[in-house]
Amino acid sequence: TEKLPPPKNDLDLAAAAAVIALRRHARGHSPGPGQPRTGG
């Protein structure tokens, strides 16, 4: 979904999980589809 390279091993999985989690943390939270993000 985030257009990242497919993780091949645990190290790649950890890097992908960290990047995606931080993207969500920084972008904020949307209460539903199509609704604006808040809390970035």
PDB file of all heavy atoms in Angstrom:
ATOM      1  N   THR A   1       0.826  -1.213   0.000  1.00  0.00           N
ATOM      2  CA  THR A   1       0.000   0.000   0.000  1.00  0.00           C
ATOM      3  C   THR A   1       0.858   1.260   0.000  1.00  0.00           C
ATOM      4  O   THR A   1       0.540   2.244  -0.673  1.00  0.00           O
ATOM      5  CB  THR A   1      -0.926   0.006   1.230  1.00  0.00           C
ATOM      6  OG1 THR A   1      -1.744  -1.161   1.200  1.00  0.00           O
ATOM      7  CG2 THR A   1      -1.814   1.241   1.248  1.00  0.00           C
ATOM      8  N   GLU A   2       1.964   1.213   0.754  1.00  0.00           N
ATOM      9  CA  GLU A   2       2.838   2.389   0.869  1.00  0.00           C
ATOM     10  C   GLU A   2       3.893   2.448  -0.233  1.00  0.00           C
ATOM     11  O   GLU A   2       4.772   3.312  -0.212  1.00  0.00           O
ATOM     12  CB  GLU A   2       3.532   2.380   2.238  1.00  0.00           C
ATOM     13  CG  GLU A   2       2.601   2.575   3.416  1.00  0.00           C
ATOM     14  CD  GLU A   2       2.161   4.024   3.593  1.00  0.00           C
ATOM     15  OE1 GLU A   2       2.789   4.906   2.961  1.00  0.00           O
ATOM     16  OE2 GLU A   2       1.205   4.273   4.345  1.00  0.00           O
ATOM     17  N   LYS A   3       3.847   1.490  -1.187  1.00  0.00           N
ATOM     18  CA  LYS A   3       4.768   1.462  -2.324  1.00  0.00           C
ATOM     19  C   LYS A   3       6.226   1.330  -1.889  1.00  0.00           C
ATOM     20  O   LYS A   3       7.135   1.995  -2.418  1.00  0.00           O
ATOM     21  CB  LYS A   3       4.583   2.706  -3.204  1.00  0.00           C
ATOM     22  CG  LYS A   3       3.199   2.804  -3.836  1.00  0.00           C
ATOM     23  CD  LYS A   3       3.066   4.045  -4.713  1.00  0.00           C
ATOM     24  CE  LYS A   3       1.765   4.060  -5.495  1.00  0.00           C
ATOM     25  NZ  LYS A   3       0.556   3.944  -4.643  1.00  0.00           N
ATOM     26  N   LEU A   4       6.446   0.455  -0.906  1.00  0.00           N
ATOM     27  CA  LEU A   4       7.794   0.139  -0.449  1.00  0.00           C
ATOM     28  C   LEU A   4       8.245  -1.183  -1.071  1.00  0.00           C
ATOM     29  O   LEU A   4       7.410  -2.017  -1.451  1.00  0.00           O
ATOM     30  CB  LEU A   4       7.822   0.016   1.078  1.00  0.00           C
ATOM     31  CG  LEU A   4       7.517   1.289   1.878  1.00  0.00           C
ATOM     32  CD1 LEU A   4       7.467   0.968   3.370  1.00  0.00           C
ATOM     33  CD2 LEU A   4       8.549   2.362   1.594  1.00  0.00           C
ATOM     34  N   PRO A   5       9.565  -1.427  -1.164  1.00  0.00           N
ATOM     35  CA  PRO A   5      10.041  -2.710  -1.688  1.00  0.00           C
ATOM     36  C   PRO A   5       9.548  -3.868  -0.824  1.00  0.00           C
ATOM     37  O   PRO A   5       9.466  -3.732   0.403  1.00  0.00           O
ATOM     38  CB  PRO A   5      11.566  -2.575  -1.602  1.00  0.00           C
ATOM     39  CG  PRO A   5      11.828  -1.107  -1.568  1.00  0.00           C
ATOM     40  CD  PRO A   5      10.655  -0.499  -0.858  1.00  0.00           C
ATOM     41  N   PRO A   6       9.214  -5.010  -1.434  1.00  0.00           N
ATOM     42  CA  PRO A   6       8.742  -6.156  -0.643  1.00  0.00           C
ATOM     43  C   PRO A   6       9.810  -6.619   0.348  1.00  0.00           C
ATOM     44  O   PRO A   6      10.963  -6.843  -0.045  1.00  0.00           O
ATOM     45  CB  PRO A   6       8.472  -7.235  -1.704  1.00  0.00           C
ATOM     46  CG  PRO A   6       8.338  -6.490  -2.989  1.00  0.00           C
ATOM     47  CD  PRO A   6       9.227  -5.291  -2.876  1.00  0.00           C
ATOM     48  N   PRO A   7       9.485  -6.744   1.636  1.00  0.00           N
ATOM     49  CA  PRO A   7      10.470  -7.223   2.622  1.00  0.00           C
ATOM     50  C   PRO A   7      10.874  -8.672   2.330  1.00  0.00           C
ATOM     51  O   PRO A   7      10.021  -9.515   2.051  1.00  0.00           O
ATOM     52  CB  PRO A   7       9.719  -7.117   3.951  1.00  0.00           C
ATOM     53  CG  PRO A   7       8.576  -6.190   3.689  1.00  0.00           C
ATOM     54  CD  PRO A   7       8.197  -6.394   2.262  1.00  0.00           C
ATOM     55  N   LYS A   8      12.179  -8.936   2.412  1.00  0.00           N
ATOM     56  CA  LYS A   8      12.687 -10.277   2.101  1.00  0.00           C
ATOM     57  C   LYS A   8      13.086 -11.063   3.338  1.00  0.00           C
ATOM     58  O   LYS A   8      13.191 -12.289   3.299  1.00  0.00           O
ATOM     59  CB  LYS A   8      13.887 -10.164   1.162  1.00  0.00           C
ATOM     60  CG  LYS A   8      13.560  -9.525  -0.184  1.00  0.00           C
ATOM     61  CD  LYS A   8      14.813  -9.377  -1.033  1.00  0.00           C
ATOM     62  CE  LYS A   8      14.495  -8.723  -2.372  1.00  0.00           C
ATOM     63  NZ  LYS A   8      15.723  -8.537  -3.195  1.00  0.00           N
ATOM     64  N   ASN A   9      13.355 -10.387   4.454  1.00  0.00           N
ATOM     65  CA  ASN A   9      13.817 -11.060   5.670  1.00  0.00           C
ATOM     66  C   ASN A   9      13.387 -10.234   6.873  1.00  0.00           C
ATOM     67  O   ASN A   9      12.708  -9.210   6.740  1.00  0.00           O
ATOM     68  CB  ASN A   9      15.340 -11.244   5.634  1.00  0.00           C
ATOM     69  CG  ASN A   9      16.053  -9.940   5.272  1.00  0.00           C
ATOM     70  OD1 ASN A   9      15.730  -8.879   5.810  1.00  0.00           O
ATOM     71  ND2 ASN A   9      17.026 -10.014   4.367  1.00  0.00           N
ATOM     72  N   ASP A  10      13.782 -10.692   8.063  1.00  0.00           N
ATOM     73  CA  ASP A  10      13.371  -9.992   9.288  1.00  0.00           C
ATOM     74  C   ASP A  10      13.894  -8.555   9.337  1.00  0.00           C
ATOM     75  O   ASP A  10      13.210  -7.659   9.847  1.00  0.00           O
ATOM     76  CB  ASP A  10      13.856 -10.754  10.521  1.00  0.00           C
ATOM     77  CG  ASP A  10      13.004 -11.970  10.834  1.00  0.00           C
ATOM     78  OD1 ASP A  10      11.973 -12.158  10.145  1.00  0.00           O
ATOM     79  OD2 ASP A  10      13.356 -12.739  11.748  1.00  0.00           O
ATOM     80  N   LEU A  11      15.101  -8.338   8.816  1.00  0.00           N
ATOM     81  CA  LEU A  11      15.665  -6.987   8.824  1.00  0.00           C
ATOM     82  C   LEU A  11      14.841  -6.066   7.927  1.00  0.00           C
ATOM     83  O   LEU A  11      14.524  -4.925   8.304  1.00  0.00           O
ATOM     84  CB  LEU A  11      17.117  -7.035   8.351  1.00  0.00           C
ATOM     85  CG  LEU A  11      17.984  -5.807   8.656  1.00  0.00           C
ATOM     86  CD1 LEU A  11      18.005  -5.519  10.142  1.00  0.00           C
ATOM     87  CD2 LEU A  11      19.398  -6.023   8.133  1.00  0.00           C
ATOM     88  N   ASP A  12      14.466  -6.563   6.759  1.00  0.00           N
ATOM     89  CA  ASP A  12      13.616  -5.770   5.864  1.00  0.00           C
ATOM     90  C   ASP A  12      12.241  -5.535   6.487  1.00  0.00           C
ATOM     91  O   ASP A  12      11.657  -4.454   6.353  1.00  0.00           O
ATOM     92  CB  ASP A  12      13.445  -6.485   4.520  1.00  0.00           C
ATOM     93  CG  ASP A  12      14.701  -6.457   3.669  1.00  0.00           C
ATOM     94  OD1 ASP A  12      15.607  -5.665   3.973  1.00  0.00           O
ATOM     95  OD2 ASP A  12      14.775  -7.230   2.702  1.00  0.00           O
ATOM     96  N   LEU A  13      11.703  -6.572   7.149  1.00  0.00           N
ATOM     97  CA  LEU A  13      10.395  -6.424   7.808  1.00  0.00           C
ATOM     98  C   LEU A  13      10.447  -5.343   8.879  1.00  0.00           C
ATOM     99  O   LEU A  13       9.536  -4.513   8.995  1.00  0.00           O
ATOM    100  CB  LEU A  13       9.961  -7.756   8.424  1.00  0.00           C
ATOM    101  CG  LEU A  13       9.357  -8.795   7.495  1.00  0.00           C
ATOM    102  CD1 LEU A  13       9.247 -10.141   8.210  1.00  0.00           C
ATOM    103  CD2 LEU A  13       7.974  -8.358   7.007  1.00  0.00           C
ATOM    104  N   ALA A  14      11.523  -5.361   9.684  1.00  0.00           N
ATOM    105  CA  ALA A  14      11.655  -4.359  10.752  1.00  0.00           C
ATOM    106  C   ALA A  14      11.757  -2.958  10.174  1.00  0.00           C
ATOM    107  O   ALA A  14      11.133  -2.009  10.674  1.00  0.00           O
ATOM    108  CB  ALA A  14      12.877  -4.670  11.616  1.00  0.00           C
ATOM    109  N   ALA A  15      12.537  -2.801   9.091  1.00  0.00           N
ATOM    110  CA  ALA A  15      12.680  -1.484   8.472  1.00  0.00           C
ATOM    111  C   ALA A  15      11.353  -1.015   7.890  1.00  0.00           C
ATOM    112  O   ALA A  15      10.971   0.156   8.050  1.00  0.00           O
ATOM    113  CB  ALA A  15      13.754  -1.537   7.386  1.00  0.00           C
ATOM    114  N   ALA A  16      10.633  -1.921   7.216  1.00  0.00           N
ATOM    115  CA  ALA A  16       9.338  -1.547   6.635  1.00  0.00           C
ATOM    116  C   ALA A  16       8.334  -1.186   7.722  1.00  0.00           C
ATOM    117  O   ALA A  16       7.607  -0.187   7.609  1.00  0.00           O
ATOM    118  CB  ALA A  16       8.804  -2.692   5.773  1.00  0.00           C
ATOM    119  N   ALA A  17       8.277  -1.988   8.783  1.00  0.00           N
ATOM    120  CA  ALA A  17       7.345  -1.708   9.877  1.00  0.00           C
ATOM    121  C   ALA A  17       7.645  -0.358  10.507  1.00  0.00           C
ATOM    122  O   ALA A  17       6.734   0.428  10.808  1.00  0.00           O
ATOM    123  CB  ALA A  17       7.416  -2.816  10.927  1.00  0.00           C
ATOM    124  N   ALA A  18       8.930  -0.059  10.699  1.00  0.00           N
ATOM    125  CA  ALA A  18       9.320   1.216  11.305  1.00  0.00           C
ATOM    126  C   ALA A  18       8.940   2.391  10.403  1.00  0.00           C
ATOM    127  O   ALA A  18       8.381   3.402  10.868  1.00  0.00           O
ATOM    128  CB  ALA A  18      10.825   1.222  11.577  1.00  0.00           C
ATOM    129  N   VAL A  19       9.221   2.280   9.117  1.00  0.00           N
ATOM    130  CA  VAL A  19       8.918   3.367   8.185  1.00  0.00           C
ATOM    131  C   VAL A  19       7.415   3.610   8.106  1.00  0.00           C
ATOM    132  O   VAL A  19       6.941   4.757   8.180  1.00  0.00           O
ATOM    133  CB  VAL A  19       9.489   3.035   6.787  1.00  0.00           C
ATOM    134  CG1 VAL A  19       8.896   3.967   5.727  1.00  0.00           C
ATOM    135  CG2 VAL A  19      11.009   3.149   6.791  1.00  0.00           C
ATOM    136  N   ILE A  20       6.629   2.539   7.970  1.00  0.00           N
ATOM    137  CA  ILE A  20       5.178   2.692   7.833  1.00  0.00           C
ATOM    138  C   ILE A  20       4.569   3.247   9.117  1.00  0.00           C
ATOM    139  O   ILE A  20       3.712   4.136   9.084  1.00  0.00           O
ATOM    140  CB  ILE A  20       4.533   1.343   7.456  1.00  0.00           C
ATOM    141  CG1 ILE A  20       5.052   0.866   6.094  1.00  0.00           C
ATOM    142  CG2 ILE A  20       3.011   1.466   7.416  1.00  0.00           C
ATOM    143  CD1 ILE A  20       4.771  -0.589   5.803  1.00  0.00           C
ATOM    144  N   ALA A  21       5.009   2.721  10.265  1.00  0.00           N
ATOM    145  CA  ALA A  21       4.482   3.205  11.549  1.00  0.00           C
ATOM    146  C   ALA A  21       4.792   4.685  11.745  1.00  0.00           C
ATOM    147  O   ALA A  21       3.948   5.455  12.223  1.00  0.00           O
ATOM    148  CB  ALA A  21       5.068   2.386  12.695  1.00  0.00           C
ATOM    149  N   LEU A  22       5.999   5.103  11.358  1.00  0.00           N
ATOM    150  CA  LEU A  22       6.370   6.508  11.530  1.00  0.00           C
ATOM    151  C   LEU A  22       5.616   7.394  10.542  1.00  0.00           C
ATOM    152  O   LEU A  22       5.238   8.529  10.875  1.00  0.00           O
ATOM    153  CB  LEU A  22       7.871   6.680  11.381  1.00  0.00           C
ATOM    154  CG  LEU A  22       8.436   8.035  11.781  1.00  0.00           C
ATOM    155  CD1 LEU A  22       7.922   8.477  13.146  1.00  0.00           C
ATOM    156  CD2 LEU A  22       9.950   8.013  11.777  1.00  0.00           C
ATOM    157  N   ARG A  23       5.386   6.903   9.343  1.00  0.00           N
ATOM    158  CA  ARG A  23       4.561   7.664   8.396  1.00  0.00           C
ATOM    159  C   ARG A  23       3.179   7.917   8.990  1.00  0.00           C
ATOM    160  O   ARG A  23       2.663   9.043   8.940  1.00  0.00           O
ATOM    161  CB  ARG A  23       4.428   6.902   7.072  1.00  0.00           C
ATOM    162  CG  ARG A  23       5.654   6.923   6.185  1.00  0.00           C
ATOM    163  CD  ARG A  23       5.407   6.181   4.887  1.00  0.00           C
ATOM    164  NE  ARG A  23       6.554   6.243   3.985  1.00  0.00           N
ATOM    165  CZ  ARG A  23       6.560   5.755   2.747  1.00  0.00           C
ATOM    166  NH1 ARG A  23       5.478   5.168   2.266  1.00  0.00           N
ATOM    167  NH2 ARG A  23       7.634   5.858   1.984  1.00  0.00           N
ATOM    168  N   ARG A  24       2.567   6.885   9.545  1.00  0.00           N
ATOM    169  CA  ARG A  24       1.231   7.036  10.122  1.00  0.00           C
ATOM    170  C   ARG A  24       1.253   7.978  11.314  1.00  0.00           C
ATOM    171  O   ARG A  24       0.352   8.797  11.499  1.00  0.00           O
ATOM    172  CB  ARG A  24       0.687   5.663  10.529  1.00  0.00           C
ATOM    173  CG  ARG A  24       0.433   4.716   9.363  1.00  0.00           C
ATOM    174  CD  ARG A  24       0.031   3.343   9.875  1.00  0.00           C
ATOM    175  NE  ARG A  24      -0.207   2.388   8.797  1.00  0.00           N
ATOM    176  CZ  ARG A  24      -0.485   1.100   8.995  1.00  0.00           C
ATOM    177  NH1 ARG A  24      -0.557   0.625  10.247  1.00  0.00           N
ATOM    178  NH2 ARG A  24      -0.690   0.294   7.978  1.00  0.00           N
ATOM    179  N   HIS A  25       2.282   7.852  12.139  1.00  0.00           N
ATOM    180  CA  HIS A  25       2.416   8.700  13.324  1.00  0.00           C
ATOM    181  C   HIS A  25       2.520  10.167  12.909  1.00  0.00           C
ATOM    182  O   HIS A  25       1.864  11.037  13.498  1.00  0.00           O
ATOM    183  CB  HIS A  25       3.662   8.283  14.098  1.00  0.00           C
ATOM    184  CG  HIS A  25       3.900   9.031  15.372  1.00  0.00           C
ATOM    185  ND1 HIS A  25       3.326   8.688  16.564  1.00  0.00           N
ATOM    186  CD2 HIS A  25       4.664  10.129  15.645  1.00  0.00           C
ATOM    187  CE1 HIS A  25       3.714   9.508  17.525  1.00  0.00           C
ATOM    188  NE2 HIS A  25       4.535  10.397  16.981  1.00  0.00           N
ATOM    189  N   ALA A  26       3.336  10.452  11.893  1.00  0.00           N
ATOM    190  CA  ALA A  26       3.576  11.831  11.488  1.00  0.00           C
ATOM    191  C   ALA A  26       2.410  12.406  10.688  1.00  0.00           C
ATOM    192  O   ALA A  26       2.114  13.597  10.788  1.00  0.00           O
ATOM    193  CB  ALA A  26       4.868  11.912  10.667  1.00  0.00           C
ATOM    194  N   ARG A  27       1.751  11.562   9.912  1.00  0.00           N
ATOM    195  CA  ARG A  27       0.646  12.054   9.081  1.00  0.00           C
ATOM    196  C   ARG A  27      -0.625  12.261   9.882  1.00  0.00           C
ATOM    197  O   ARG A  27      -1.520  12.986   9.466  1.00  0.00           O
ATOM    198  CB  ARG A  27       0.368  11.065   7.936  1.00  0.00           C
ATOM    199  CG  ARG A  27       1.469  11.017   6.898  1.00  0.00           C
ATOM    200  CD  ARG A  27       1.094  10.213   5.672  1.00  0.00           C
ATOM    201  NE  ARG A  27       0.647   8.871   5.950  1.00  0.00           N
ATOM    202  CZ  ARG A  27       1.007   7.809   5.235  1.00  0.00           C
ATOM    203  NH1 ARG A  27       1.841   7.947   4.219  1.00  0.00           N
ATOM    204  NH2 ARG A  27       0.538   6.615   5.522  1.00  0.00           N
ATOM    205  N   GLY A  28      -0.746  11.594  11.035  1.00  0.00           N
ATOM    206  CA  GLY A  28      -1.926  11.756  11.857  1.00  0.00           C
ATOM    207  C   GLY A  28      -2.963  10.678  11.612  1.00  0.00           C
ATOM    208  O   GLY A  28      -2.739   9.705  10.889  1.00  0.00           O
ATOM    209  N   HIS A  29      -4.129  10.873  12.208  1.00  0.00           N
ATOM    210  CA  HIS A  29      -5.172   9.856  12.243  1.00  0.00           C
ATOM    211  C   HIS A  29      -6.409  10.337  11.521  1.00  0.00           C
ATOM    212  O   HIS A  29      -6.830  11.480  11.657  1.00  0.00           O
ATOM    213  CB  HIS A  29      -5.510   9.545  13.716  1.00  0.00           C
ATOM    214  CG  HIS A  29      -6.762   8.754  13.898  1.00  0.00           C
ATOM    215  ND1 HIS A  29      -7.956   9.318  14.306  1.00  0.00           N
ATOM    216  CD2 HIS A  29      -7.017   7.442  13.713  1.00  0.00           C
ATOM    217  CE1 HIS A  29      -8.888   8.380  14.381  1.00  0.00           C
ATOM    218  NE2 HIS A  29      -8.343   7.242  14.024  1.00  0.00           N
ATOM    219  N   SER A  30      -7.009   9.460  10.718  1.00  0.00           N
ATOM    220  CA  SER A  30      -8.272   9.771  10.057  1.00  0.00           C
ATOM    221  C   SER A  30      -9.373   8.932  10.690  1.00  0.00           C
ATOM    222  O   SER A  30      -9.232   7.717  10.812  1.00  0.00           O
ATOM    223  CB  SER A  30      -8.204   9.458   8.559  1.00  0.00           C
ATOM    224  OG  SER A  30      -9.479   9.616   7.957  1.00  0.00           O
ATOM    225  N   PRO A  31     -10.483   9.549  11.105  1.00  0.00           N
ATOM    226  CA  PRO A  31     -11.553   8.789  11.753  1.00  0.00           C
ATOM    227  C   PRO A  31     -12.335   7.895  10.797  1.00  0.00           C
ATOM    228  O   PRO A  31     -13.126   7.072  11.225  1.00  0.00           O
ATOM    229  CB  PRO A  31     -12.453   9.880  12.336  1.00  0.00           C
ATOM    230  CG  PRO A  31     -12.190  11.080  11.496  1.00  0.00           C
ATOM    231  CD  PRO A  31     -10.753  10.989  11.077  1.00  0.00           C
ATOM    232  N   GLY A  32     -12.111   8.046   9.497  1.00  0.00           N
ATOM    233  CA  GLY A  32     -12.842   7.212   8.551  1.00  0.00           C
ATOM    234  C   GLY A  32     -12.406   7.497   7.133  1.00  0.00           C
ATOM    235  O   GLY A  32     -11.711   8.492   6.854  1.00  0.00           O
ATOM    236  N   PRO A  33     -12.791   6.620   6.172  1.00  0.00           N
ATOM    237  CA  PRO A  33     -12.407   6.806   4.772  1.00  0.00           C
ATOM    238  C   PRO A  33     -12.875   8.165   4.240  1.00  0.00           C
ATOM    239  O   PRO A  33     -14.024   8.551   4.417  1.00  0.00           O
ATOM    240  CB  PRO A  33     -13.125   5.657   4.057  1.00  0.00           C
ATOM    241  CG  PRO A  33     -13.368   4.632   5.116  1.00  0.00           C
ATOM    242  CD  PRO A  33     -13.594   5.396   6.382  1.00  0.00           C
ATOM    243  N   GLY A  34     -11.951   8.876   3.609  1.00  0.00           N
ATOM    244  CA  GLY A  34     -12.292  10.155   3.011  1.00  0.00           C
ATOM    245  C   GLY A  34     -12.355  11.318   3.975  1.00  0.00           C
ATOM    246  O   GLY A  34     -12.549  12.462   3.557  1.00  0.00           O
ATOM    247  N   GLN A  35     -12.199  11.049   5.291  1.00  0.00           N
ATOM    248  CA  GLN A  35     -12.255  12.127   6.270  1.00  0.00           C
ATOM    249  C   GLN A  35     -10.848  12.677   6.518  1.00  0.00           C
ATOM    250  O   GLN A  35      -9.857  11.953   6.396  1.00  0.00           O
ATOM    251  CB  GLN A  35     -12.872  11.637   7.576  1.00  0.00           C
ATOM    252  CG  GLN A  35     -14.324  11.201   7.429  1.00  0.00           C
ATOM    253  CD  GLN A  35     -14.993  11.033   8.775  1.00  0.00           C
ATOM    254  OE1 GLN A  35     -14.825  11.851   9.664  1.00  0.00           O
ATOM    255  NE2 GLN A  35     -15.770   9.962   8.915  1.00  0.00           N
ATOM    256  N   PRO A  36     -10.727  13.946   6.871  1.00  0.00           N
ATOM    257  CA  PRO A  36      -9.406  14.567   7.017  1.00  0.00           C
ATOM    258  C   PRO A  36      -8.615  13.977   8.172  1.00  0.00           C
ATOM    259  O   PRO A  36      -9.166  13.515   9.166  1.00  0.00           O
ATOM    260  CB  PRO A  36      -9.734  16.044   7.272  1.00  0.00           C
ATOM    261  CG  PRO A  36     -11.128  16.035   7.812  1.00  0.00           C
ATOM    262  CD  PRO A  36     -11.816  14.903   7.128  1.00  0.00           C
ATOM    263  N   ARG A  37      -7.292  14.010   8.005  1.00  0.00           N
ATOM    264  CA  ARG A  37      -6.400  13.543   9.061  1.00  0.00           C
ATOM    265  C   ARG A  37      -6.182  14.650  10.086  1.00  0.00           C
ATOM    266  O   ARG A  37      -6.057  15.813   9.725  1.00  0.00           O
ATOM    267  CB  ARG A  37      -5.052  13.106   8.484  1.00  0.00           C
ATOM    268  CG  ARG A  37      -5.121  11.844   7.643  1.00  0.00           C
ATOM    269  CD  ARG A  37      -3.748  11.439   7.138  1.00  0.00           C
ATOM    270  NE  ARG A  37      -3.824  10.181   6.418  1.00  0.00           N
ATOM    271  CZ  ARG A  37      -3.718   8.983   6.988  1.00  0.00           C
ATOM    272  NH1 ARG A  37      -3.527   8.896   8.289  1.00  0.00           N
ATOM    273  NH2 ARG A  37      -3.801   7.886   6.268  1.00  0.00           N
ATOM    274  N   THR A  38      -6.118  14.269  11.340  1.00  0.00           N
ATOM    275  CA  THR A  38      -5.816  15.207  12.408  1.00  0.00           C
ATOM    276  C   THR A  38      -4.733  14.599  13.297  1.00  0.00           C
ATOM    277  O   THR A  38      -4.487  13.397  13.270  1.00  0.00           O
ATOM    278  CB  THR A  38      -7.057  15.515  13.260  1.00  0.00           C
ATOM    279  OG1 THR A  38      -7.569  14.285  13.801  1.00  0.00           O
ATOM    280  CG2 THR A  38      -8.137  16.181  12.431  1.00  0.00           C
ATOM    281  N   GLY A  39      -4.089  15.449  14.092  1.00  0.00           N
ATOM    282  CA  GLY A  39      -3.092  14.950  15.033  1.00  0.00           C
ATOM    283  C   GLY A  39      -1.748  14.646  14.431  1.00  0.00           C
ATOM    284  O   GLY A  39      -0.953  13.915  15.016  1.00  0.00           O
ATOM    285  N   GLY A  40      -1.455  15.194  13.248  1.00  0.00           N
ATOM    286  CA  GLY A  40      -0.146  14.969  12.646  1.00  0.00           C
ATOM    287  C   GLY A  40       0.974  15.562  13.487  1.00  0.00           C
ATOM    288  O   GLY A  40       0.762  16.474  14.291  1.00  0.00           O
TER     289      GLY A  40
END
